[in-house]
Protein backbone atom coordinates (compact mmCIF):
# COMPACT_ATOMS: atom_id res chain seq x y z
CA MET A 1 -0.08 2.76 -19.05
CA ALA A 2 0.32 5.79 -16.64
CA ALA A 3 0.92 4.93 -12.99
CA GLY A 4 -1.47 6.84 -10.69
CA ILE A 5 -2.90 10.26 -11.30
CA LEU A 6 0.14 12.53 -11.89
CA GLY A 7 0.32 16.12 -13.00
CA ILE A 8 -2.35 18.59 -13.13
CA ALA A 9 -5.87 18.33 -14.62
CA VAL A 10 -5.74 18.10 -18.45
CA GLY A 11 -7.51 21.03 -20.09
CA LEU A 12 -10.53 19.86 -22.22
CA ILE A 13 -10.86 21.57 -25.27
CA LEU A 14 -14.13 21.69 -27.23
CA LEU A 15 -13.88 21.34 -30.83
CA SER A 16 -16.31 23.99 -32.61
CA ALA A 17 -17.04 24.82 -36.33
CA ALA A 18 -18.98 27.48 -37.70
CA CYS A 19 -22.36 26.80 -38.86
CA ARG A 20 -24.04 28.04 -41.82
CA PRO A 21 -27.72 29.59 -41.06
CA GLY A 22 -30.13 26.66 -40.60
CA GLU A 23 -27.29 24.21 -40.35
CA LYS A 24 -27.76 21.89 -37.14
CA ARG A 25 -24.71 21.85 -35.05
CA GLU A 26 -23.82 18.47 -33.59
CA THR A 27 -22.59 17.97 -29.79
CA PRO A 28 -18.97 18.91 -30.03
CA GLU A 29 -16.44 15.96 -29.47
CA LEU A 30 -13.81 16.37 -26.63
CA ALA A 31 -10.07 16.38 -27.69
CA GLN A 32 -8.74 13.05 -26.87
CA SER A 33 -5.35 13.80 -25.26
CA ASN A 34 -5.62 10.96 -23.14
CA PRO A 35 -6.68 7.28 -23.66
CA ALA A 36 -10.58 7.01 -24.19
CA VAL A 37 -12.66 5.67 -21.53
CA LYS A 38 -16.11 4.45 -22.57
CA LEU A 39 -18.50 5.28 -19.68
CA GLY A 40 -21.26 2.85 -18.42
CA VAL A 41 -23.98 5.12 -19.62
CA GLU A 42 -22.35 4.65 -23.25
CA VAL A 43 -21.88 0.98 -23.14
CA PHE A 44 -25.61 0.80 -21.82
CA LEU A 45 -27.15 2.83 -24.71
CA GLU A 46 -24.92 0.90 -27.29
CA ARG A 47 -25.45 -2.70 -26.33
CA TYR A 48 -27.62 -3.24 -23.37
CA THR A 49 -31.11 -1.20 -23.60
CA GLY A 50 -32.49 -4.94 -24.33
CA LEU A 51 -32.60 -4.89 -20.34
CA VAL A 52 -35.37 -2.18 -20.22
CA LYS A 53 -37.03 -2.51 -23.47
CA GLY A 54 -40.42 -1.43 -23.05
CA LYS A 55 -40.32 -0.59 -19.46
CA LYS A 56 -40.70 2.53 -17.22
CA VAL A 57 -37.29 3.52 -16.05
CA GLY A 58 -36.65 5.48 -13.09
CA LEU A 59 -33.32 7.32 -12.91
CA ILE A 60 -31.12 8.47 -10.03
CA THR A 61 -28.71 10.78 -11.23
CA ASN A 62 -27.33 14.60 -11.01
CA PRO A 63 -25.61 16.85 -13.16
CA THR A 64 -22.57 14.45 -13.42
CA GLY A 65 -24.64 12.08 -15.32
CA VAL A 66 -23.48 12.96 -18.84
CA ASP A 67 -21.31 10.79 -21.44
CA SER A 68 -18.19 11.53 -22.58
CA SER A 69 -19.53 14.59 -24.96
CA LEU A 70 -21.41 16.21 -22.18
CA ARG A 71 -24.82 15.13 -23.39
CA ASN A 72 -26.83 14.54 -20.20
CA ASP A 73 -28.44 11.19 -19.45
CA VAL A 74 -32.04 12.86 -18.94
CA GLU A 75 -32.14 13.90 -22.38
CA LEU A 76 -30.56 10.64 -23.78
CA PHE A 77 -32.97 8.57 -22.14
CA LEU A 78 -36.13 10.63 -23.02
CA SER A 79 -35.11 10.24 -26.74
CA HIS A 80 -34.48 6.83 -26.44
CA PRO A 81 -37.11 4.42 -28.58
CA ASP A 82 -36.55 1.35 -26.50
CA PHE A 83 -37.79 2.45 -23.15
CA LYS A 84 -39.54 5.09 -21.29
CA LEU A 85 -37.98 7.48 -18.65
CA ALA A 86 -40.63 8.04 -16.30
CA ALA A 87 -38.97 9.62 -13.21
CA LEU A 88 -35.99 11.37 -11.81
CA TYR A 89 -34.45 11.03 -8.46
CA GLY A 90 -31.68 13.48 -6.95
CA PRO A 91 -29.27 12.71 -4.22
CA GLU A 92 -27.76 15.67 -2.10
CA HIS A 93 -27.23 18.64 -3.81
CA GLY A 94 -30.05 17.79 -6.30
CA ALA A 95 -30.92 16.06 -9.40
CA LEU A 96 -30.88 19.00 -11.84
CA VAL A 97 -29.30 21.81 -9.33
CA SER A 98 -26.22 22.24 -7.19
CA ALA A 99 -27.45 23.14 -3.68
CA GLN A 100 -24.77 23.48 -0.98
CA ALA A 101 -23.79 20.62 1.35
CA GLY A 102 -26.85 19.96 3.77
CA GLU A 103 -28.99 22.44 2.04
CA THR A 104 -32.76 21.37 1.66
CA VAL A 105 -33.73 20.46 -1.82
CA SER A 106 -37.41 20.50 -2.68
CA PHE A 107 -39.07 17.22 -2.20
CA TYR A 108 -40.67 17.21 -5.81
CA ILE A 109 -39.28 19.84 -8.42
CA ASP A 110 -40.78 21.49 -11.34
CA ASN A 111 -38.60 21.03 -14.48
CA ASN A 112 -38.76 21.19 -18.10
CA TYR A 113 -38.87 17.49 -18.80
CA GLY A 114 -42.69 16.83 -18.07
CA ILE A 115 -41.85 13.87 -15.60
CA PRO A 116 -41.50 13.68 -11.74
CA VAL A 117 -38.36 14.73 -10.16
CA TYR A 118 -37.67 13.46 -6.50
CA SER A 119 -35.31 14.71 -4.06
CA LEU A 120 -34.07 11.74 -2.00
CA TYR A 121 -32.25 14.16 0.51
CA ARG A 122 -33.82 15.97 3.76
CA GLN A 123 -37.15 14.01 3.39
CA ALA A 124 -38.74 12.11 6.18
CA GLY A 125 -37.04 8.96 5.37
CA ARG A 126 -37.02 5.62 7.11
CA ILE A 127 -34.65 2.62 7.08
CA ALA A 128 -36.31 -0.69 6.30
CA SER A 129 -36.40 -3.20 9.09
CA GLY A 130 -34.76 -5.97 7.07
CA MET A 131 -31.78 -3.80 5.32
CA LEU A 132 -28.71 -4.91 7.19
CA LYS A 133 -27.71 -8.26 7.86
CA ASP A 134 -25.98 -7.14 10.98
CA ARG A 135 -28.64 -4.58 11.45
CA ASP A 136 -28.87 -4.19 15.36
CA ALA A 137 -25.37 -3.01 15.47
CA TYR A 138 -25.64 -0.49 12.74
CA MET A 139 -29.18 0.75 14.12
CA ARG A 140 -27.88 1.62 17.57
CA SER A 141 -26.10 4.57 15.99
CA ILE A 142 -27.34 5.50 12.58
CA ASP A 143 -29.10 8.48 12.42
CA THR A 144 -32.75 8.55 11.35
CA SER A 145 -33.78 11.94 12.80
CA GLY A 146 -35.01 13.25 9.17
CA GLU A 147 -32.62 12.91 6.46
CA GLY A 148 -33.98 11.30 3.49
CA LYS A 149 -32.11 8.25 3.34
CA THR A 150 -34.00 5.97 0.87
CA LEU A 151 -36.65 6.08 -1.70
CA GLN A 152 -40.42 6.60 -0.28
CA GLN A 153 -42.55 3.60 -1.50
CA ASP A 154 -44.76 5.77 -3.52
CA MET A 155 -42.04 7.62 -5.06
CA VAL A 156 -41.50 4.06 -7.15
CA GLN A 157 -45.17 3.49 -8.12
CA GLY A 158 -45.16 2.34 -11.93
CA ILE A 159 -41.39 2.11 -12.09
CA ASP A 160 -40.02 -1.35 -13.81
CA VAL A 161 -36.37 -0.84 -13.39
CA MET A 162 -34.03 1.87 -11.57
CA ILE A 163 -30.87 3.23 -13.10
CA TYR A 164 -28.22 4.86 -11.03
CA ASP A 165 -25.62 6.94 -12.77
CA MET A 166 -23.62 9.48 -10.96
CA GLN A 167 -19.95 10.60 -10.20
CA ASP A 168 -18.48 9.48 -7.14
CA VAL A 169 -15.31 10.82 -5.29
CA GLY A 170 -13.80 7.65 -3.95
CA THR A 171 -14.02 8.84 -0.35
CA ARG A 172 -16.50 6.79 2.22
CA VAL A 173 -17.75 10.25 3.19
CA TYR A 174 -19.95 11.29 0.43
CA THR A 175 -23.71 10.92 0.71
CA TYR A 176 -24.08 9.32 -2.96
CA VAL A 177 -22.94 6.03 -1.96
CA SER A 178 -25.14 5.85 1.10
CA THR A 179 -28.04 7.10 -1.49
CA MET A 180 -27.40 4.10 -3.81
CA ALA A 181 -27.25 1.65 -1.00
CA PHE A 182 -30.56 2.80 0.29
CA ALA A 183 -32.34 3.04 -3.30
CA MET A 184 -31.14 -0.50 -3.53
CA GLU A 185 -32.80 -1.61 -0.32
CA THR A 186 -36.02 -0.32 -1.36
CA CYS A 187 -35.64 -1.69 -4.91
CA ALA A 188 -35.04 -5.14 -3.53
CA GLU A 189 -38.08 -4.72 -1.06
CA LYS A 190 -40.36 -3.77 -4.48
CA ALA A 191 -38.70 -6.28 -6.64
CA ILE A 192 -37.73 -3.58 -9.18
CA PRO A 193 -34.31 -4.60 -10.97
CA PHE A 194 -31.27 -2.16 -10.11
CA ILE A 195 -28.73 -0.89 -12.67
CA VAL A 196 -25.49 0.77 -11.93
CA LEU A 197 -23.94 2.54 -14.89
CA ASP A 198 -20.22 2.64 -13.66
CA ARG A 199 -17.97 5.50 -13.74
CA PRO A 200 -14.21 6.02 -12.82
CA ASN A 201 -12.96 6.23 -9.28
CA PRO A 202 -11.43 9.90 -9.80
CA ILE A 203 -8.37 9.21 -7.59
CA GLY A 204 -7.68 5.75 -8.40
CA GLY A 205 -8.71 2.29 -7.63
CA LYS A 206 -5.41 0.94 -6.00
CA ALA A 207 -4.52 3.06 -2.88
CA MET A 208 -6.62 2.48 0.15
CA GLU A 209 -6.26 4.20 3.19
CA GLY A 210 -7.69 5.07 6.78
CA PRO A 211 -9.93 3.15 9.11
CA VAL A 212 -12.54 0.62 8.33
CA LEU A 213 -15.99 1.78 9.34
CA ASP A 214 -16.96 0.45 12.82
CA PRO A 215 -20.75 -0.48 12.46
CA ALA A 216 -20.98 1.48 15.72
CA PHE A 217 -20.31 4.89 14.00
CA ALA A 218 -22.20 4.15 10.84
CA SER A 219 -24.30 7.17 9.61
CA PHE A 220 -25.56 8.75 6.35
CA ILE A 221 -21.90 9.62 5.59
CA GLY A 222 -20.81 6.05 6.00
CA VAL A 223 -23.08 3.17 6.00
CA PHE A 224 -20.99 0.22 5.48
CA PRO A 225 -17.67 -1.34 6.83
CA ILE A 226 -15.54 0.03 4.13
CA PRO A 227 -12.21 2.12 4.45
CA LEU A 228 -12.04 6.07 4.28
CA ARG A 229 -10.46 5.75 0.95
CA HIS A 230 -11.75 2.34 -0.45
CA GLY A 231 -10.33 2.29 -4.00
CA MET A 232 -13.72 0.95 -5.65
CA THR A 233 -16.07 2.38 -8.23
CA VAL A 234 -19.66 3.09 -7.67
CA GLY A 235 -20.49 -0.40 -9.66
CA GLU A 236 -17.90 -2.39 -7.62
CA LEU A 237 -19.28 -1.01 -4.42
CA ALA A 238 -22.95 -1.92 -5.29
CA LEU A 239 -21.77 -5.54 -6.09
CA LEU A 240 -20.04 -5.59 -2.60
CA PHE A 241 -23.09 -3.88 -0.82
CA ASN A 242 -25.48 -6.43 -2.66
CA ASP A 243 -23.59 -9.54 -1.54
CA LYS A 244 -22.13 -8.72 1.75
CA PHE A 245 -24.34 -6.00 3.62
CA LEU A 246 -27.88 -6.17 2.23
CA ALA A 247 -30.02 -8.26 4.16
CA LYS A 248 -32.27 -8.86 0.80
CA LYS A 249 -30.25 -8.80 -2.43
CA VAL A 250 -31.43 -6.70 -5.14
CA ASP A 251 -31.72 -8.09 -8.71
CA LEU A 252 -28.63 -6.19 -9.83
CA THR A 253 -26.86 -5.37 -13.06
CA VAL A 254 -23.43 -3.41 -13.30
CA ILE A 255 -22.69 -2.06 -16.84
CA ALA A 256 -18.68 -1.66 -16.45
CA MET A 257 -16.91 0.90 -18.28
CA GLU A 258 -14.62 -0.23 -21.18
CA GLY A 259 -10.68 1.49 -21.16
CA TRP A 260 -10.43 2.45 -17.54
CA GLN A 261 -7.61 0.91 -15.38
CA ARG A 262 -7.40 0.87 -11.89
CA ALA A 263 -3.83 2.88 -11.46
CA ARG A 264 -5.88 5.80 -13.72
CA GLY A 265 -6.97 8.80 -12.19
CA TYR A 266 -9.60 10.89 -13.65
CA ASP A 267 -7.12 13.45 -15.24
CA GLU A 268 -5.48 10.44 -17.05
CA THR A 269 -8.73 9.74 -19.05
CA SER A 270 -10.37 11.81 -21.95
CA LEU A 271 -13.46 12.61 -19.92
CA PRO A 272 -14.35 16.07 -18.87
CA TRP A 273 -14.71 16.73 -15.00
CA VAL A 274 -18.11 17.78 -13.92
CA ILE A 275 -18.48 18.89 -10.48
CA PRO A 276 -20.13 15.99 -8.59
CA SER A 277 -20.99 18.75 -5.69
CA PRO A 278 -20.53 22.37 -5.02
CA ASN A 279 -17.43 22.11 -2.98
CA MET A 280 -15.74 19.28 -5.20
CA PRO A 281 -14.61 21.59 -7.91
CA THR A 282 -11.66 19.78 -9.45
CA VAL A 283 -9.58 16.42 -9.52
CA GLU A 284 -7.24 17.79 -7.01
CA THR A 285 -10.03 18.71 -4.66
CA ALA A 286 -11.09 14.88 -4.80
CA LEU A 287 -7.44 13.70 -4.37
CA VAL A 288 -7.19 15.65 -0.83
CA TYR A 289 -10.68 15.27 0.49
CA PRO A 290 -10.01 11.64 2.02
CA GLY A 291 -7.86 13.33 4.45
CA GLN A 292 -9.03 17.07 4.54
CA VAL A 293 -12.66 15.92 5.22
CA ALA A 294 -11.71 15.23 8.84
CA PHE A 295 -11.57 19.14 9.24
CA GLU A 296 -15.44 18.97 9.22
CA GLY A 297 -15.13 17.27 12.76
CA THR A 298 -13.24 20.24 14.22
CA ASN A 299 -13.18 23.83 14.84
CA VAL A 300 -10.92 24.59 12.06
CA SER A 301 -12.18 25.59 8.79
CA GLU A 302 -11.95 23.10 5.86
CA GLY A 303 -11.91 25.83 3.20
CA ARG A 304 -15.69 25.92 2.48
CA GLY A 305 -16.54 29.15 1.07
CA THR A 306 -13.34 29.56 -0.81
CA THR A 307 -12.28 28.81 -4.13
CA LYS A 308 -10.17 26.21 -2.99
CA PRO A 309 -12.43 23.90 -0.27
CA PHE A 310 -10.35 21.23 1.23
CA GLU A 311 -7.24 22.32 0.00
CA LEU A 312 -7.31 25.49 2.38
CA PHE A 313 -7.71 25.11 6.07
CA GLY A 314 -7.26 27.27 8.73
CA ALA A 315 -8.90 29.34 11.45
CA PRO A 316 -8.76 33.24 12.76
CA TRP A 317 -6.68 32.06 15.82
CA ILE A 318 -3.97 30.23 13.48
CA ASP A 319 -0.54 31.93 12.09
CA GLY A 320 -0.60 30.41 8.67
CA TYR A 321 2.97 31.06 8.40
CA ALA A 322 4.15 29.36 11.72
CA LEU A 323 1.71 26.46 10.65
CA ALA A 324 3.22 25.98 7.28
CA LYS A 325 6.89 26.20 8.75
CA ALA A 326 5.73 23.28 11.30
CA LEU A 327 4.06 21.13 8.77
CA ASN A 328 7.01 21.32 6.04
CA THR A 329 9.31 20.48 9.12
CA LEU A 330 7.66 17.14 9.31
CA GLY A 331 8.87 16.04 5.57
CA LEU A 332 5.90 14.15 4.81
CA PRO A 333 5.87 12.37 1.62
CA GLY A 334 4.42 13.77 -1.68
CA VAL A 335 3.02 17.13 -0.26
CA ALA A 336 4.06 20.73 0.76
CA PHE A 337 2.17 23.51 2.68
CA ARG A 338 1.85 27.25 1.80
CA GLU A 339 0.82 29.64 4.06
CA ALA A 340 -2.60 31.04 3.39
CA TRP A 341 -5.01 33.73 4.44
CA PHE A 342 -8.47 33.56 3.51
CA THR A 343 -11.90 34.66 4.58
CA PRO A 344 -14.83 32.17 4.06
CA THR A 345 -17.91 33.62 2.08
CA PHE A 346 -19.90 31.07 3.96
CA SER A 347 -19.67 28.29 6.23
CA LYS A 348 -17.31 28.37 9.42
CA PHE A 349 -15.78 31.79 10.06
CA GLN A 350 -17.97 33.42 7.37
CA GLY A 351 -16.53 36.59 6.77
CA GLU A 352 -13.49 36.36 9.20
CA ARG A 353 -9.84 36.26 8.12
CA CYS A 354 -8.32 33.20 8.77
CA GLY A 355 -4.98 32.10 8.76
CA GLY A 356 -3.74 28.59 7.89
CA CYS A 357 -2.29 26.69 4.72
CA GLN A 358 -3.03 25.41 1.39
CA VAL A 359 -2.40 21.55 0.73
CA HIS A 360 -0.02 21.40 -2.55
CA VAL A 361 0.40 17.62 -3.63
CA LEU A 362 3.61 17.10 -5.38
CA ASP A 363 3.49 13.50 -5.91
CA ARG A 364 0.23 11.89 -5.88
CA GLU A 365 1.71 8.39 -5.59
CA ALA A 366 3.65 9.33 -2.50
CA TYR A 367 0.83 11.59 -0.83
CA LYS A 368 -1.28 9.67 1.75
CA PRO A 369 -4.26 12.09 2.41
CA VAL A 370 -5.38 10.75 5.66
CA GLU A 371 -2.40 10.53 7.48
CA THR A 372 -1.61 14.04 6.20
CA ALA A 373 -4.67 15.32 7.33
CA LEU A 374 -4.28 13.81 10.80
CA HIS A 375 -0.56 15.33 11.00
CA ALA A 376 -2.12 18.56 10.23
CA ILE A 377 -4.81 18.40 12.80
CA LYS A 378 -2.23 16.98 15.53
CA THR A 379 0.19 19.93 14.67
CA ILE A 380 -2.76 22.50 15.04
CA ARG A 381 -4.21 20.90 18.51
CA ASP A 382 -0.25 21.12 20.00
CA MET A 383 0.35 24.45 18.73
CA TYR A 384 -3.17 25.94 19.98
CA PRO A 385 -4.33 23.43 22.77
CA ALA A 386 -6.57 26.24 24.29
CA LEU A 387 -8.10 27.05 21.04
CA PHE A 388 -8.43 23.64 18.86
CA ARG A 389 -11.77 21.48 19.50
CA PHE A 390 -12.90 18.52 18.15
CA HIS A 391 -16.63 18.14 17.37
CA ALA A 392 -16.23 14.64 18.85
CA ASP A 393 -19.49 13.21 17.57
CA TYR A 394 -18.94 14.10 14.02
CA PHE A 395 -15.22 13.69 13.76
CA ASP A 396 -16.01 9.91 14.76
CA LYS A 397 -18.67 9.53 12.28
CA VAL A 398 -16.18 10.83 9.51
CA MET A 399 -13.50 8.40 10.75
CA GLY A 400 -15.82 5.67 11.53
CA THR A 401 -14.30 5.07 14.74
CA SER A 402 -13.76 6.99 17.95
CA LEU A 403 -9.94 5.58 18.14
CA VAL A 404 -8.46 8.22 15.87
CA ARG A 405 -9.63 11.00 18.14
CA GLU A 406 -8.76 9.16 21.28
CA ALA A 407 -5.41 8.53 19.95
CA LEU A 408 -4.74 12.14 19.08
CA GLU A 409 -6.31 13.21 22.25
CA ALA A 410 -3.75 11.06 24.11
CA GLY A 411 -0.86 12.45 22.01
CA ARG A 412 -0.26 9.37 20.05
CA PRO A 413 2.17 9.71 17.08
CA VAL A 414 0.26 9.62 13.67
CA ARG A 415 2.30 6.93 12.35
CA ASP A 416 1.07 4.70 15.38
CA ILE A 417 -2.59 5.62 14.52
CA ALA A 418 -1.98 4.82 10.91
CA ALA A 419 -0.27 1.24 11.67
CA GLY A 420 -3.39 0.54 13.78
CA TRP A 421 -5.69 0.65 10.63
CA GLU A 422 -3.29 -1.46 8.45
CA PRO A 423 -4.84 -4.93 9.38
CA GLY A 424 -8.53 -3.58 8.67
CA LEU A 425 -7.15 -2.56 5.28
CA ARG A 426 -5.68 -6.01 4.52
CA ALA A 427 -9.00 -7.66 5.58
CA PHE A 428 -10.82 -5.27 3.36
CA ALA A 429 -8.32 -5.77 0.43
CA GLU A 430 -9.23 -9.58 0.43
CA LEU A 431 -12.79 -8.82 1.01
CA ARG A 432 -13.06 -6.50 -1.84
CA LYS A 433 -11.11 -8.80 -4.44
CA PRO A 434 -14.29 -10.87 -6.01
CA TYR A 435 -15.98 -7.66 -6.85
CA LEU A 436 -13.21 -5.74 -8.65
CA LEU A 437 -14.21 -5.18 -12.48
CA TYR A 438 -10.80 -3.68 -13.74
CA LYS A 439 -7.11 -4.45 -13.87
């Protein structure tokens, strides 16, 4: 078994063969250069459709909802004789489209499938009063100002079973997990069974890093007290949420994968990578994301609007050469910084030339994305004290606490900040143990 997710993403080769006129072309098989992983959707369709036999099914999915041969869930479900696919539900970025982050997605989407397709993002959502066991602590700060955080009651009329199948990225700051949690809450209220079809954590299931979210900083980018990098699959998170954080448990079934092991990253599987969102183009993006996402809470570009989002970071007032030299002098484990100059086509500094760096991960086992990003933020702040700014409210929501920002503003060393979140990580490691499905 290979350890971690060392090496570059493995190229996926589609095997093709010429077809005679009128001959049916089968879906091509993908080359198996790594040990095979059977996804939850494949296990479900092979052995567990009895759970939904004769029932009307709702499906929460997006373009990542495919099997290992890139056949999408929608068509697989529509053609299945045992159950009826009655409606689709999409998260941020959409069920059938790939809208940019925060972009409004139409409430109801016309499509070629002849079934309702609802957007769960940017709608007039609401949070049910009994959702959280420690609800008061969360509700004091959770933002309910219009983002669609849950299924509307009228969206689930006539649905007998809800299925969730989307690729996550292994970081708390990603709205798909929040969408799953709120959908579980609605299904619990309506007595609708909830099935999660599991997929790999693309950055592995061993390493954990960053602060455990403080309930006072809960938001749609982080609902429950889990670390920034949590090392769990969506199926494992669903089990944890249902048992520990939802006030009313949903009738939950998790269909586990076969062949995935915790130490394996996505590029150590046989699976093709389908981008989970427009600014998550590669497995390498997902690897740096747990730390680099913190730049969203500053006035430094996190690389949106470039071909290397989250790997690039900078600003018009940064000297990329000087910054790369300063960061490389720190000797941070598993990573090097290359000076970079880029002009975002959208988002921060659109059309402006920025100086900064590209993160190059050299050893994925040694690399610590959250600590690395905090070193970069501290270095930029020290080099440009009159120009650097935190967007304090958002930075704290990303971190799940105000303690990190306050420590950086006080000039504390990053190693001391990281030491501060270790007790929380140890406690979370114990908390998650009963819900881990893979070795």
